[in-house]
Amino acid sequence: MVDPVKGLVELQRAMLEGWMSSTNHVMAYWQHVIDLQQRLFHHACYARDHVEIDTGPSFTGKYGKRRFDIDPEHDV
């Protein structure tokens, strides 16, 4: 004779394993999003705190940071 309780227990076990697996994936994705936000905030803070002072004209010099681009009347 077929045991009806065994089928219910197997169904509940399969549902529990699926729920645990999906919860695990959601938490991993959430951790990934939080890591990306942390990298974004670190990059934004680094851009604000890191002031690059150029020593003169160069190939990689940025406009406005070169010595000959400074307006002495405005910056004094």
Protein backbone atom coordinates (compact mmCIF):
# COMPACT_ATOMS: atom_id res chain seq x y z
CA MET A 1 0.00 0.00 0.00
CA VAL A 2 1.17 3.56 -0.80
CA ASP A 3 1.94 5.71 2.21
CA PRO A 4 0.33 9.18 1.71
CA VAL A 5 2.43 10.74 4.48
CA LYS A 6 5.68 9.79 2.72
CA GLY A 7 4.60 11.71 -0.39
CA LEU A 8 3.72 14.79 1.69
CA VAL A 9 7.04 14.63 3.52
CA GLU A 10 8.95 14.38 0.22
CA LEU A 11 6.96 17.31 -1.18
CA GLN A 12 7.68 19.43 1.89
CA ARG A 13 11.37 18.49 1.80
CA ALA A 14 11.62 19.47 -1.88
CA MET A 15 9.85 22.78 -1.21
CA LEU A 16 12.16 23.50 1.73
CA GLU A 17 15.28 22.74 -0.31
CA GLY A 18 14.06 24.98 -3.14
CA TRP A 19 13.25 27.79 -0.74
CA MET A 20 16.67 27.48 0.96
CA SER A 21 18.44 27.49 -2.41
CA SER A 22 16.57 30.54 -3.67
CA THR A 23 17.15 32.37 -0.37
CA ASN A 24 20.86 31.58 -0.63
CA HIS A 25 21.00 33.01 -4.17
CA VAL A 26 19.10 36.14 -3.15
CA MET A 27 21.48 36.77 -0.25
CA ALA A 28 24.50 36.27 -2.53
CA TYR A 29 23.09 38.78 -5.02
CA TRP A 30 22.33 41.21 -2.20
CA GLN A 31 25.89 40.90 -0.90
CA HIS A 32 27.15 41.59 -4.43
CA VAL A 33 25.02 44.76 -4.65
CA ILE A 34 26.31 45.95 -1.26
CA ASP A 35 29.91 45.32 -2.37
CA LEU A 36 29.30 47.33 -5.54
CA GLN A 37 27.82 50.20 -3.51
CA GLN A 38 30.82 50.12 -1.19
CA ARG A 39 33.19 50.31 -4.17
CA LEU A 40 31.15 53.18 -5.64
CA PHE A 41 31.23 55.17 -2.39
CA HIS A 42 34.95 54.48 -1.95
CA HIS A 43 35.58 55.72 -5.47
CA ALA A 44 33.50 58.86 -4.85
CA CYS A 45 35.34 59.59 -1.58
CA TYR A 46 38.71 58.97 -3.20
CA ALA A 47 37.89 61.39 -6.00
CA ARG A 48 37.01 64.09 -3.45
CA ASP A 49 39.95 63.52 -1.09
CA HIS A 50 42.62 62.85 -3.69
CA VAL A 51 43.77 66.19 -5.11
CA GLU A 52 46.33 65.79 -7.82
CA ILE A 53 48.81 68.66 -8.10
CA ASP A 54 50.48 68.78 -11.47
CA THR A 55 54.02 70.15 -11.62
CA GLY A 56 53.87 71.43 -15.16
CA PRO A 57 52.93 70.65 -18.72
CA SER A 58 52.84 66.95 -19.49
CA PHE A 59 51.14 64.58 -21.89
CA THR A 60 48.71 63.39 -19.21
CA GLY A 61 48.17 66.78 -17.55
CA LYS A 62 44.58 67.83 -16.97
CA TYR A 63 43.27 71.20 -18.07
CA GLY A 64 43.06 73.60 -15.15
CA LYS A 65 45.69 71.82 -13.07
CA ARG A 66 48.71 72.85 -15.07
CA ARG A 67 50.93 75.61 -13.79
CA PHE A 68 50.49 77.84 -16.82
CA ASP A 69 46.65 77.57 -16.74
CA ILE A 70 46.24 79.29 -13.37
CA ASP A 71 44.84 82.81 -13.40
CA PRO A 72 46.91 84.72 -10.80
CA GLU A 73 44.26 87.40 -10.28
CA HIS A 74 41.54 84.82 -9.61
CA ASP A 75 43.59 82.38 -7.46
CA VAL A 76 45.35 84.91 -5.23
